[in-house]
Amino acid sequence: MIRYAEVHVRLFATTDGGRATPIYPRGRETGSWYMPHFQINRGGELLGVAFVDGPSTLAPGQEGTCIVTLADDGVDYSGLSHGASFEALEGITVVGRGSVLRRWEIDRPWDGLASA
């Protein structure tokens, strides 16, 4: 089974320490996957995710609702449950914050909202 989460994420503006460039959440369309880590509690375990759907572009300072796959086998993603807040990290840099809207599992790769 492949695990997914729908998240609402806000990227920090570049002037607030965020990224310098936009992300492209629709990795399946571009072949360029955005793969940060989510962290539930500061200093907690880093949870690898890969963005697979959402707005075509999400620039620094913007927010949007996106679909991520919970990428790492053997990692406990239970803290990344409905209503959980997280920070989005690139390396040790916090580039955004968000919350989990819902989670689910399906037996096939993401192919758009029909998969949900």
Protein backbone atom coordinates (compact mmCIF):
# COMPACT_ATOMS: atom_id res chain seq x y z
CA MET A 1 0.00 0.00 0.00
CA ILE A 2 1.16 3.53 -0.77
CA ARG A 3 0.56 6.13 1.95
CA TYR A 4 -0.58 9.67 1.13
CA ALA A 5 -1.51 12.83 2.99
CA GLU A 6 -3.34 15.94 1.92
CA VAL A 7 -1.64 18.92 3.53
CA HIS A 8 -2.05 22.66 3.60
CA VAL A 9 1.40 24.24 3.45
CA ARG A 10 2.66 27.83 3.59
CA LEU A 11 6.15 28.52 2.25
CA PHE A 12 8.05 31.28 4.00
CA ALA A 13 8.94 34.32 1.92
CA THR A 14 12.58 34.51 0.89
CA THR A 15 12.97 37.58 3.13
CA ASP A 16 11.77 35.46 6.08
CA GLY A 17 14.37 32.74 5.51
CA GLY A 18 12.39 30.72 2.97
CA ARG A 19 13.38 29.34 -0.39
CA ALA A 20 14.60 31.56 -3.21
CA THR A 21 12.67 29.66 -5.90
CA PRO A 22 9.18 28.18 -6.26
CA ILE A 23 8.31 24.52 -5.88
CA TYR A 24 6.33 22.49 -8.40
CA PRO A 25 4.01 20.20 -6.40
CA ARG A 26 2.83 18.30 -9.49
CA GLY A 27 5.97 16.20 -9.69
CA ARG A 28 4.20 13.54 -11.70
CA GLU A 29 3.72 16.10 -14.50
CA THR A 30 7.17 17.67 -14.40
CA GLY A 31 9.33 14.70 -13.38
CA SER A 32 10.92 17.03 -10.80
CA TRP A 33 9.85 15.86 -7.35
CA TYR A 34 9.96 18.26 -4.40
CA MET A 35 11.08 16.11 -1.47
CA PRO A 36 11.52 18.00 1.81
CA HIS A 37 11.20 16.58 5.30
CA PHE A 38 8.30 17.29 7.62
CA GLN A 39 8.95 17.56 11.34
CA ILE A 40 6.09 17.38 13.85
CA ASN A 41 8.00 18.59 16.91
CA ARG A 42 11.14 20.71 16.80
CA GLY A 43 14.02 18.30 17.20
CA GLY A 44 11.76 15.34 16.38
CA GLU A 45 12.20 12.74 13.68
CA LEU A 46 12.49 13.99 10.10
CA LEU A 47 9.75 12.47 7.96
CA GLY A 48 10.57 12.20 4.26
CA VAL A 49 7.77 13.19 1.87
CA ALA A 50 7.45 13.73 -1.86
CA PHE A 51 4.94 16.20 -3.32
CA VAL A 52 2.84 14.56 -6.03
CA ASP A 53 -0.04 16.99 -6.62
CA GLY A 54 -1.30 20.47 -5.84
CA PRO A 55 -1.06 23.86 -7.54
CA SER A 56 1.20 23.91 -10.60
CA THR A 57 3.56 26.31 -8.79
CA LEU A 58 3.93 27.38 -5.19
CA ALA A 59 6.26 30.38 -4.76
CA PRO A 60 7.96 31.58 -1.58
CA GLY A 61 5.37 33.44 0.51
CA GLN A 62 2.44 31.47 -0.97
CA GLU A 63 0.30 28.71 0.49
CA GLY A 64 -1.68 25.88 -1.00
CA THR A 65 -3.19 22.45 -0.54
CA CYS A 66 -1.01 19.63 -1.81
CA ILE A 67 -0.81 15.84 -1.85
CA VAL A 68 2.35 14.19 -0.55
CA THR A 69 3.40 10.58 -0.44
CA LEU A 70 4.92 9.35 2.80
CA ALA A 71 8.11 8.27 1.18
CA ASP A 72 10.19 6.20 3.60
CA ASP A 73 9.48 2.57 4.46
CA GLY A 74 10.13 1.65 8.07
CA VAL A 75 9.51 5.20 9.33
CA ASP A 76 6.72 5.86 11.84
CA TYR A 77 4.46 8.47 10.23
CA SER A 78 1.73 8.09 12.87
CA GLY A 79 2.36 11.63 14.17
CA LEU A 80 1.54 12.98 10.74
CA SER A 81 -2.20 12.50 11.30
CA HIS A 82 -5.29 14.62 10.66
CA GLY A 83 -4.87 18.03 12.31
CA ALA A 84 -1.15 17.66 13.04
CA SER A 85 1.01 20.75 12.46
CA PHE A 86 4.46 20.41 10.92
CA GLU A 87 7.46 22.36 9.74
CA ALA A 88 8.84 21.75 6.24
CA LEU A 89 12.63 21.48 6.17
CA GLU A 90 15.28 21.46 3.47
CA GLY A 91 18.33 20.16 5.26
CA ILE A 92 18.34 22.05 8.57
CA THR A 93 16.50 25.07 7.16
CA VAL A 94 12.80 25.48 7.97
CA VAL A 95 11.20 26.74 4.75
CA GLY A 96 7.53 26.49 5.64
CA ARG A 97 4.79 25.31 7.96
CA GLY A 98 1.61 23.39 7.44
CA SER A 99 -1.03 21.03 8.72
CA VAL A 100 -2.40 17.64 7.75
CA LEU A 101 -5.92 17.65 6.33
CA ARG A 102 -6.27 13.88 5.86
CA ARG A 103 -4.38 10.63 5.24
CA TRP A 104 -5.11 7.47 3.28
CA GLU A 105 -3.55 4.45 1.63
CA ILE A 106 -4.13 3.00 -1.81
CA ASP A 107 -2.56 0.13 -3.70
CA ARG A 108 -1.40 2.13 -6.74
CA PRO A 109 0.69 5.21 -7.52
CA TRP A 110 -0.99 8.62 -7.42
CA ASP A 111 -2.70 9.58 -10.67
CA GLY A 112 -4.71 12.61 -9.62
CA LEU A 113 -7.79 13.23 -7.54
CA ALA A 114 -9.43 10.08 -8.90
CA SER A 115 -6.94 8.19 -6.69
CA ALA A 116 -8.23 9.80 -3.52
